[in-house]
Every structure is written in C-alpha cells, then in structure tokens.
Amino acid sequence: MELALLAPLVPLASAGLALMNSGLSRSRSAAHAMLAPLCVTAVAVLVYCVCGFRLQETVPLPVTGELEWLQMFCVALAAIIPLGGGGERWRLGAACASTAILAGLTYPLFAHWAWSGGWLARMGFRDAGGSSTIQAVGGLTALAMARLLGPRRGKYDSEGVPAAFPGHSAVLVLFGCFLTWVGWIGLNLAGSLLFALDMDKNIPAIPINTTLSAAAGLLAAAALTRARFGRPDASLCANGWTSGLVASSAACAWMAPAAAISVGAVAGLLVTLCVELLDVRLHIDDPAGSVSVHAAGGTWGVVAVAIFGPAKWSAQLAGIGALLIVILPMTFALNWLLNRFYPQRIRPDGEPEGLDLFELGAGAYPEFVIRRDDFRPR
C-alpha cells in the first residue's frame, strides 16, 4: 500500500529535471528541452516494459508487480538525465533512439547486478534509492553523449577558452528544484521499502535525510560560489540542491541526520568543482551540469553508504568499478555505433537558430522579443 502512494511521486522528479534542463538552455531551444523529456519518457517506459524488465529480473524479487511499477518511473528518470548533457544540439529522434539503448540494455543490466540478485547484490552492494542505478547510469550516459556530440557551436574559442552561455530562465530552474524535492522523497521512500531490506524500518528518517542532504548541498554550493565569485550563483546553487538529493539516495535508509548533512555538503562542493573541471579543463560541454550532478553526485552517494551505512567498501567500490569499466564504455560504444547510422547531432545549419525552430518549427516564446543572438535566419 505504501508503494502505491509513494511511486506516483517519482515523476515529479522527472518534471523538475525537465524544467531545470529547459531553464539552463537558451531560449532558442527551450520548448525542445521540455518536449524531449516527454518523448524519451514514452520510449523508456515502453522499451523497459517490453524487454528491459525481463533482463533486469532474471532473479525476480517477491513483489514483482510493485517493482515493475516503480522501475518504470525510475528508468524514465534515468532517461531524462542525459538530455541535460546533450542540450541544444541533440536531435529529438536520436535522443529517443539512444533512450531505447538505455532502457533496454544498460539500465536493466546494472539494475540486475545491484538490485535484483546479481553479482553486486551478492557481494553486499547497497543502494536504497538509486544513486548508482538511476543517477550514475544516467549521468555517465550524459558524459558519453556530451563527448560524442561535441561542444555547442561557439562554446570554445581557438585557444580552448569557454564562452558563457547563460540559461534563459533561472525561475524555471529554481522551480524545478522544488519539484525534484517532492519527487526524491517518493523515490527514496519507495526504493528503501523495496531494496533496503535490512534497514531498521525507521521510515520517517528517510524524508528527513533526503531534505537535509539537499539543503546542505545548496548551502555548500552557495557558500563556495560566494567565496569564489563574490556572490552566490543561482544555477550552481540549484545543481548543489539536486546533487544533495542524488547523493542522499543510496544511504537514505541507514544514515543519521548528521551524516545526511555531511553527505549533502560534500555533494554541493563536489558538483561546483566538477562543473568547472569539465567545462574549463576537459572541454566537455554539459549545459545542465548533468554529469557533475548525477554521475559525480551519484558516485559519492555510493561511497557514502560504506562510510555511514552498512555496506562493505569492497562491494561499493566494485559497483563504482562496474559503472566506469563496463557501463560507461558500453554506453559510449553503442551510441557511437548508433551515430554511424543515425547522426545524433543537429545539422550545422540548424544550430544557430536553435532546436525549437529547426526541429519543431516554432519557438517557445513567439510573442516575446528575444535577444538577437538567440535567432539567426537560416
């Protein structure tokens, strides 16, 4: 009965991420950034229900019906994460095709290992709410796609110095944070009931830990950006909030509230530093910070279970190794192969005018005057 009430909250996390992706993109691609999550959600749930769930549940859990319902929402959430890394240059049809790979193979494969009696589960790997299975898998897919697609036009000059491409709506980004908060509480509660079978049943601690971790992540990001830039950065604060949620998921069923604050604070600092590392040093263009929030934050969440929870270091490190050594190369290779037959990046002549006009035929804000650099005729 609890799952029937909690699982429907998870799509609010998807809605929050979609709003954040849209707000962090430029106005020329805002509508596309909202339509794409709906499309990949549709593909993800269909592919997962047809074949992904069967791959994952080679050794079914006792509550198969409830599990399939929750996992349908979880795979949809994982499918939305890569859209942030490929923002403003990833074709809609190609994103849907890539989602079929995630929902039909990479997500259920790792979920089987970690959650459904696979080798990681037998080692003692613990992840109550999906820091690895949902967040890190989605974040590493975002990394693969950002690398495969390449940076947006004009992002880096001839010397490799990045240009600032500010998002068009901080309001959408920050509103998305409120939706992710509610969605993550449902995700962590439902996931803990299914996958944290050895927890002490202290259910009220789970939403408390989730909230404290998000709060600490936001404040840590605000403090760091204030110290470095003289004022807090709204988008990095939002990413700090979401990274705190991401990191809380794995250990939410076991850690004490003080530990949740520590986990969130580290996540907020980590995401801020990772965004700069990827953008400035590694030249990986990730408009929404999906790699930093979900891959880095999710990995830290897995480690946190060994520090603050019941898991063994060997099991948690094996899970991280499986993500980096198997899932990431597999994801990149399959999408590289897909790109050979079905180019994933928008054509060069379509990028200056944006995905809204080029792929959808209409802008997100047709009655408003937009900046001149937001529209260039074909």
Protein backbone atom coordinates (compact mmCIF):
# COMPACT_ATOMS: atom_id res chain seq x y z
CA MET A 1 0.00 0.00 0.00
CA GLU A 2 2.87 2.37 0.81
CA LEU A 3 4.37 1.87 -2.66
CA ALA A 4 1.02 2.61 -4.30
CA LEU A 5 1.11 6.02 -2.63
CA LEU A 6 4.82 6.78 -3.00
CA ALA A 7 5.70 5.61 -6.52
CA PRO A 8 3.47 8.22 -8.29
CA LEU A 9 5.58 10.96 -6.67
CA VAL A 10 8.65 9.92 -8.67
CA PRO A 11 7.50 11.57 -11.95
CA LEU A 12 7.67 14.91 -10.11
CA ALA A 13 11.43 14.42 -10.02
CA SER A 14 11.36 13.92 -13.79
CA ALA A 15 9.30 17.09 -14.20
CA GLY A 16 11.76 19.00 -12.04
CA LEU A 17 14.75 17.86 -14.08
CA ALA A 18 12.94 18.75 -17.31
CA LEU A 19 12.27 22.28 -16.05
CA MET A 20 15.88 22.65 -14.95
CA ASN A 21 17.17 21.46 -18.33
CA SER A 22 14.88 23.93 -20.09
CA GLY A 23 15.79 26.85 -17.86
CA LEU A 24 19.51 26.19 -18.22
CA SER A 25 19.25 26.15 -22.02
CA ARG A 26 18.98 29.25 -24.17
CA SER A 27 15.54 30.45 -25.21
CA ARG A 28 16.06 29.21 -28.77
CA SER A 29 15.83 25.59 -27.53
CA ALA A 30 13.52 25.91 -24.51
CA ALA A 31 10.47 24.13 -25.95
CA HIS A 32 12.62 21.32 -27.32
CA ALA A 33 14.14 20.90 -23.86
CA MET A 34 10.64 20.27 -22.47
CA LEU A 35 9.34 18.07 -25.29
CA ALA A 36 12.40 15.81 -25.30
CA PRO A 37 11.83 14.57 -21.70
CA LEU A 38 8.27 13.61 -22.59
CA CYS A 39 9.41 11.76 -25.69
CA VAL A 40 12.25 9.88 -24.00
CA THR A 41 9.94 9.01 -21.11
CA ALA A 42 7.50 7.46 -23.56
CA VAL A 43 10.26 5.45 -25.24
CA ALA A 44 11.84 4.44 -21.94
CA VAL A 45 8.70 3.04 -20.34
CA LEU A 46 7.66 1.15 -23.47
CA VAL A 47 11.07 -0.39 -24.12
CA TYR A 48 11.58 -1.22 -20.47
CA CYS A 49 8.19 -2.89 -20.14
CA VAL A 50 8.69 -4.89 -23.34
CA CYS A 51 12.21 -6.16 -22.73
CA GLY A 52 14.18 -4.24 -20.09
CA PHE A 53 12.33 -5.56 -17.08
CA ARG A 54 12.77 -9.13 -18.23
CA LEU A 55 16.53 -8.60 -18.48
CA GLN A 56 16.69 -7.00 -15.05
CA GLU A 57 14.56 -9.54 -13.24
CA THR A 58 16.44 -12.72 -14.09
CA VAL A 59 16.09 -13.41 -10.38
CA PRO A 60 12.74 -11.76 -9.53
CA LEU A 61 12.07 -10.08 -6.19
CA PRO A 62 8.95 -11.21 -4.29
CA VAL A 63 6.97 -8.05 -5.13
CA THR A 64 7.33 -8.24 -8.90
CA GLY A 65 4.20 -6.21 -9.73
CA GLU A 66 5.09 -3.32 -7.43
CA LEU A 67 8.70 -3.49 -8.54
CA GLU A 68 7.83 -3.17 -12.22
CA TRP A 69 5.62 -0.16 -11.48
CA LEU A 70 8.35 1.66 -9.54
CA GLN A 71 11.07 0.68 -12.01
CA MET A 72 9.05 2.09 -14.89
CA PHE A 73 9.22 5.51 -13.20
CA CYS A 74 12.89 5.04 -12.32
CA VAL A 75 14.01 4.21 -15.85
CA ALA A 76 12.11 7.26 -17.12
CA LEU A 77 14.00 9.42 -14.63
CA ALA A 78 17.33 7.91 -15.71
CA ALA A 79 16.46 8.56 -19.38
CA ILE A 80 15.90 12.29 -18.79
CA ILE A 81 19.31 12.87 -17.21
CA PRO A 82 21.40 12.55 -20.43
CA LEU A 83 19.30 15.24 -22.13
CA GLY A 84 21.00 17.86 -19.98
CA GLY A 85 24.43 16.81 -21.21
CA GLY A 86 23.35 16.91 -24.87
CA GLY A 87 21.32 20.08 -24.57
CA GLU A 88 20.87 22.43 -27.56
CA ARG A 89 22.43 20.05 -30.09
CA TRP A 90 20.90 16.58 -29.65
CA ARG A 91 18.24 15.67 -32.23
CA LEU A 92 14.91 14.55 -30.82
CA GLY A 93 14.71 11.31 -32.80
CA ALA A 94 18.30 10.41 -31.96
CA ALA A 95 17.68 11.04 -28.26
CA CYS A 96 14.74 8.63 -28.42
CA ALA A 97 16.87 6.00 -30.16
CA SER A 98 19.59 6.40 -27.55
CA THR A 99 16.98 6.05 -24.80
CA ALA A 100 15.98 2.67 -26.22
CA ILE A 101 19.57 1.51 -25.59
CA LEU A 102 19.48 2.81 -22.02
CA ALA A 103 16.05 1.38 -21.16
CA GLY A 104 16.53 -1.91 -22.98
CA LEU A 105 20.09 -2.74 -22.00
CA THR A 106 22.36 -0.57 -19.84
CA TYR A 107 19.88 0.40 -17.11
CA PRO A 108 18.35 -3.07 -16.60
CA LEU A 109 21.78 -4.70 -16.78
CA PHE A 110 23.20 -2.66 -13.91
CA ALA A 111 19.88 -2.76 -12.02
CA HIS A 112 20.03 -6.55 -12.19
CA TRP A 113 23.56 -6.55 -10.80
CA ALA A 114 22.74 -4.13 -7.98
CA TRP A 115 19.09 -4.69 -7.10
CA SER A 116 17.84 -7.99 -8.47
CA GLY A 117 20.12 -10.69 -7.14
CA GLY A 118 23.09 -10.07 -9.43
CA TRP A 119 26.75 -10.34 -8.52
CA LEU A 120 26.92 -6.90 -6.87
CA ALA A 121 23.91 -7.66 -4.68
CA ARG A 122 25.50 -10.96 -3.64
CA MET A 123 28.68 -9.09 -2.68
CA GLY A 124 26.65 -6.88 -0.34
CA PHE A 125 26.34 -3.78 -2.55
CA ARG A 126 23.81 -1.32 -1.09
CA ASP A 127 21.89 1.44 -2.84
CA ALA A 128 18.44 2.09 -1.41
CA GLY A 129 17.21 4.87 -3.70
CA GLY A 130 19.27 4.58 -6.88
CA SER A 131 22.36 6.81 -6.58
CA SER A 132 24.12 4.30 -8.81
CA THR A 133 21.37 2.53 -10.73
CA ILE A 134 19.42 5.64 -11.72
CA GLN A 135 21.67 8.63 -11.17
CA ALA A 136 25.16 7.39 -12.05
CA VAL A 137 23.91 5.36 -15.03
CA GLY A 138 22.07 8.44 -16.31
CA GLY A 139 24.99 10.76 -15.54
CA LEU A 140 27.55 8.55 -17.26
CA THR A 141 25.25 8.35 -20.27
CA ALA A 142 25.20 12.16 -20.23
CA LEU A 143 29.01 12.13 -20.19
CA ALA A 144 29.14 9.73 -23.14
CA MET A 145 26.70 11.86 -25.13
CA ALA A 146 28.38 15.18 -24.33
CA ARG A 147 31.66 13.71 -25.53
CA LEU A 148 30.13 12.11 -28.62
CA LEU A 149 28.13 15.17 -29.67
CA GLY A 150 30.92 17.64 -29.02
CA PRO A 151 30.52 21.18 -27.65
CA ARG A 152 27.91 23.65 -28.82
CA ARG A 153 28.86 25.98 -31.64
CA GLY A 154 30.95 28.87 -30.29
CA LYS A 155 31.42 27.33 -26.84
CA TYR A 156 35.22 27.27 -27.10
CA ASP A 157 37.50 29.65 -28.96
CA SER A 158 40.64 28.69 -30.85
CA GLU A 159 42.62 28.59 -27.61
CA GLY A 160 40.05 26.43 -25.81
CA VAL A 161 38.68 29.19 -23.59
CA PRO A 162 34.99 28.54 -22.87
CA ALA A 163 32.33 31.16 -23.54
CA ALA A 164 29.49 31.71 -21.08
CA PHE A 165 26.12 30.51 -22.41
CA PRO A 166 23.71 31.51 -19.62
CA GLY A 167 20.37 29.77 -19.40
CA HIS A 168 17.28 31.74 -20.29
CA SER A 169 15.24 31.28 -17.08
CA ALA A 170 16.57 30.94 -13.54
CA VAL A 171 12.94 30.87 -12.40
CA LEU A 172 12.28 27.57 -14.22
CA VAL A 173 15.50 26.14 -12.80
CA LEU A 174 14.66 27.03 -9.21
CA PHE A 175 11.04 25.94 -9.51
CA GLY A 176 12.33 22.64 -10.80
CA CYS A 177 14.26 22.25 -7.52
CA PHE A 178 11.00 22.24 -5.55
CA LEU A 179 9.54 19.53 -7.77
CA THR A 180 12.66 17.38 -7.52
CA TRP A 181 12.45 17.63 -3.72
CA VAL A 182 8.98 16.08 -3.62
CA GLY A 183 9.85 13.51 -6.27
CA TRP A 184 13.02 12.42 -4.49
CA ILE A 185 11.21 11.90 -1.20
CA GLY A 186 8.88 9.48 -3.00
CA LEU A 187 11.80 7.84 -4.81
CA ASN A 188 13.89 7.33 -1.68
CA LEU A 189 10.97 6.07 0.39
CA ALA A 190 9.74 3.66 -2.28
CA GLY A 191 13.24 2.47 -3.12
CA SER A 192 14.07 1.87 0.53
CA LEU A 193 10.92 -0.19 1.05
CA LEU A 194 11.88 -2.44 -1.87
CA PHE A 195 15.68 -2.56 -1.84
CA ALA A 196 16.84 -1.73 1.70
CA LEU A 197 15.53 -4.99 3.10
CA ASP A 198 17.92 -4.87 6.07
CA MET A 199 17.08 -1.34 7.19
CA ASP A 200 15.72 -0.76 10.67
CA LYS A 201 12.33 0.39 9.34
CA ASN A 202 12.89 3.95 10.58
CA ILE A 203 10.80 5.25 7.71
CA PRO A 204 10.44 8.88 8.96
CA ALA A 205 14.22 9.30 8.81
CA ILE A 206 14.25 8.85 5.02
CA PRO A 207 12.46 12.11 4.02
CA ILE A 208 14.39 13.90 6.78
CA ASN A 209 17.72 12.66 5.42
CA THR A 210 16.69 13.49 1.86
CA THR A 211 15.75 17.05 2.79
CA LEU A 212 18.81 17.68 4.96
CA SER A 213 21.14 16.45 2.25
CA ALA A 214 19.55 18.69 -0.38
CA ALA A 215 19.64 21.69 1.96
CA ALA A 216 23.29 21.15 2.82
CA GLY A 217 24.15 20.72 -0.87
CA LEU A 218 22.54 24.01 -1.80
CA LEU A 219 24.14 25.95 1.05
CA ALA A 220 27.56 24.45 0.37
CA ALA A 221 27.34 25.45 -3.30
CA ALA A 222 26.12 28.93 -2.32
CA ALA A 223 28.98 29.38 0.15
CA LEU A 224 31.62 28.19 -2.31
CA THR A 225 30.38 30.35 -5.19
CA ARG A 226 30.06 33.33 -2.83
CA ALA A 227 33.64 32.83 -1.67
CA ARG A 228 34.99 32.44 -5.20
CA PHE A 229 32.88 34.88 -7.21
CA GLY A 230 31.69 37.38 -4.61
CA ARG A 231 28.03 36.29 -4.83
CA PRO A 232 26.10 33.01 -4.97
CA ASP A 233 25.43 31.57 -8.41
CA ALA A 234 21.77 30.57 -8.90
CA SER A 235 22.36 27.73 -11.35
CA LEU A 236 25.18 26.21 -9.31
CA CYS A 237 23.08 26.51 -6.15
CA ALA A 238 20.28 24.64 -7.94
CA ASN A 239 22.74 21.98 -9.01
CA GLY A 240 24.02 21.78 -5.44
CA TRP A 241 20.46 21.15 -4.24
CA THR A 242 19.91 18.41 -6.82
CA SER A 243 23.31 16.85 -6.19
CA GLY A 244 22.43 16.64 -2.50
CA LEU A 245 19.26 14.78 -3.43
CA VAL A 246 21.21 12.47 -5.74
CA ALA A 247 23.84 11.68 -3.12
CA SER A 248 21.23 11.07 -0.42
CA SER A 249 19.52 8.26 -2.32
CA ALA A 250 21.97 5.42 -1.72
CA ALA A 251 22.27 5.73 2.07
CA CYS A 252 18.96 7.41 2.92
CA ALA A 253 17.63 4.33 4.73
CA TRP A 254 20.60 3.91 7.06
CA MET A 255 22.43 7.15 7.82
CA ALA A 256 21.79 9.51 10.73
CA PRO A 257 20.62 13.09 10.07
CA ALA A 258 24.07 14.50 10.87
CA ALA A 259 25.56 12.17 8.27
CA ALA A 260 22.96 13.30 5.72
CA ILE A 261 24.11 16.89 6.22
CA SER A 262 27.72 15.83 5.61
CA VAL A 263 26.78 13.86 2.51
CA GLY A 264 24.86 16.81 1.07
CA ALA A 265 27.57 19.34 1.86
CA VAL A 266 30.23 17.26 0.11
CA ALA A 267 27.89 16.80 -2.87
CA GLY A 268 27.32 20.58 -3.13
CA LEU A 269 31.05 21.29 -3.08
CA LEU A 270 31.78 18.43 -5.46
CA VAL A 271 29.26 19.49 -8.09
CA THR A 272 30.56 23.06 -8.13
CA LEU A 273 34.14 21.94 -8.65
CA CYS A 274 33.19 19.28 -11.22
CA VAL A 275 31.26 21.75 -13.36
CA GLU A 276 34.39 23.90 -13.65
CA LEU A 277 36.65 20.90 -14.24
CA LEU A 278 34.53 19.58 -17.09
CA ASP A 279 33.90 22.95 -18.69
CA VAL A 280 37.29 24.62 -18.38
CA ARG A 281 39.80 21.80 -18.13
CA LEU A 282 38.30 18.87 -20.01
CA HIS A 283 36.29 20.87 -22.59
CA ILE A 284 33.17 18.78 -22.06
CA ASP A 285 30.13 20.95 -22.76
CA ASP A 286 27.39 19.96 -20.33
CA PRO A 287 24.76 22.75 -20.35
CA ALA A 288 22.72 21.46 -17.40
CA GLY A 289 25.58 20.06 -15.32
CA SER A 290 24.13 16.56 -15.61
CA VAL A 291 27.48 14.81 -15.43
CA SER A 292 28.54 16.70 -12.31
CA VAL A 293 25.18 16.37 -10.56
CA HIS A 294 24.27 12.78 -11.40
CA ALA A 295 27.50 10.94 -12.23
CA ALA A 296 29.72 12.61 -9.61
CA GLY A 297 26.95 13.05 -7.04
CA GLY A 298 25.69 9.50 -7.54
CA THR A 299 29.18 8.04 -7.20
CA TRP A 300 29.72 9.97 -3.98
CA GLY A 301 26.38 8.65 -2.72
CA VAL A 302 27.55 5.06 -3.31
CA VAL A 303 30.73 5.76 -1.34
CA ALA A 304 28.67 7.34 1.46
CA VAL A 305 26.94 4.01 2.15
CA ALA A 306 30.30 2.50 3.05
CA ILE A 307 31.08 5.45 5.32
CA PHE A 308 27.72 5.99 7.01
CA GLY A 309 25.77 2.80 6.23
CA PRO A 310 26.05 -0.99 6.45
CA ALA A 311 27.85 -1.70 3.18
CA LYS A 312 31.38 -3.01 2.78
CA TRP A 313 33.95 -0.90 0.96
CA SER A 314 34.78 -3.77 -1.37
CA ALA A 315 31.17 -4.06 -2.55
CA GLN A 316 30.66 -0.33 -3.06
CA LEU A 317 33.94 0.09 -4.91
CA ALA A 318 33.06 -2.90 -7.08
CA GLY A 319 29.82 -1.14 -8.02
CA ILE A 320 31.69 2.02 -8.97
CA GLY A 321 34.16 -0.06 -10.97
CA ALA A 322 31.31 -1.75 -12.85
CA LEU A 323 29.87 1.64 -13.74
CA LEU A 324 33.17 3.04 -15.01
CA ILE A 325 34.66 -0.06 -16.60
CA VAL A 326 31.55 -1.67 -18.10
CA ILE A 327 28.55 0.67 -18.27
CA LEU A 328 30.34 3.83 -19.46
CA PRO A 329 32.34 2.17 -22.29
CA MET A 330 29.30 0.14 -23.33
CA THR A 331 27.11 3.23 -23.43
CA PHE A 332 29.64 5.20 -25.46
CA ALA A 333 30.28 2.34 -27.89
CA LEU A 334 26.60 1.66 -28.56
CA ASN A 335 25.81 5.34 -29.07
CA TRP A 336 28.89 5.76 -31.28
CA LEU A 337 27.60 2.88 -33.39
CA LEU A 338 24.12 4.42 -33.49
CA ASN A 339 25.66 7.70 -34.59
CA ARG A 340 27.26 5.99 -37.57
CA PHE A 341 23.83 5.06 -38.95
CA TYR A 342 21.66 7.79 -37.46
CA PRO A 343 23.56 11.05 -36.81
CA GLN A 344 22.72 12.31 -33.34
CA ARG A 345 23.77 15.94 -33.61
CA ILE A 346 21.67 18.60 -35.29
CA ARG A 347 22.93 19.76 -38.70
CA PRO A 348 25.36 22.71 -38.59
CA ASP A 349 22.94 24.98 -40.44
CA GLY A 350 20.24 24.36 -37.85
CA GLU A 351 22.21 25.04 -34.70
CA PRO A 352 22.35 28.87 -34.91
CA GLU A 353 18.56 29.21 -34.99
CA GLY A 354 18.05 26.63 -32.25
CA LEU A 355 16.27 23.33 -31.86
CA ASP A 356 12.85 24.91 -31.41
CA LEU A 357 12.64 26.39 -34.89
CA PHE A 358 14.77 23.82 -36.66
CA GLU A 359 13.13 20.67 -35.29
CA LEU A 360 9.74 21.85 -34.04
CA GLY A 361 9.01 24.73 -36.40
CA ALA A 362 8.09 27.20 -33.65
CA GLY A 363 9.82 28.95 -30.78
CA ALA A 364 8.95 28.63 -27.10
CA TYR A 365 8.15 32.33 -26.74
CA PRO A 366 6.76 33.50 -30.11
CA GLU A 367 5.12 36.67 -28.75
CA PHE A 368 8.18 37.97 -26.91
CA VAL A 369 11.23 39.74 -28.25
CA ILE A 370 14.30 37.62 -27.67
CA ARG A 371 17.99 38.53 -27.78
CA ARG A 372 19.48 38.97 -31.21
CA ASP A 373 21.98 36.17 -30.59
CA ASP A 374 19.07 33.82 -29.90
CA PHE A 375 17.89 33.90 -33.52
CA ARG A 376 19.75 33.92 -36.78
CA PRO A 377 17.96 33.24 -40.08
CA ARG A 378 18.81 30.06 -41.89
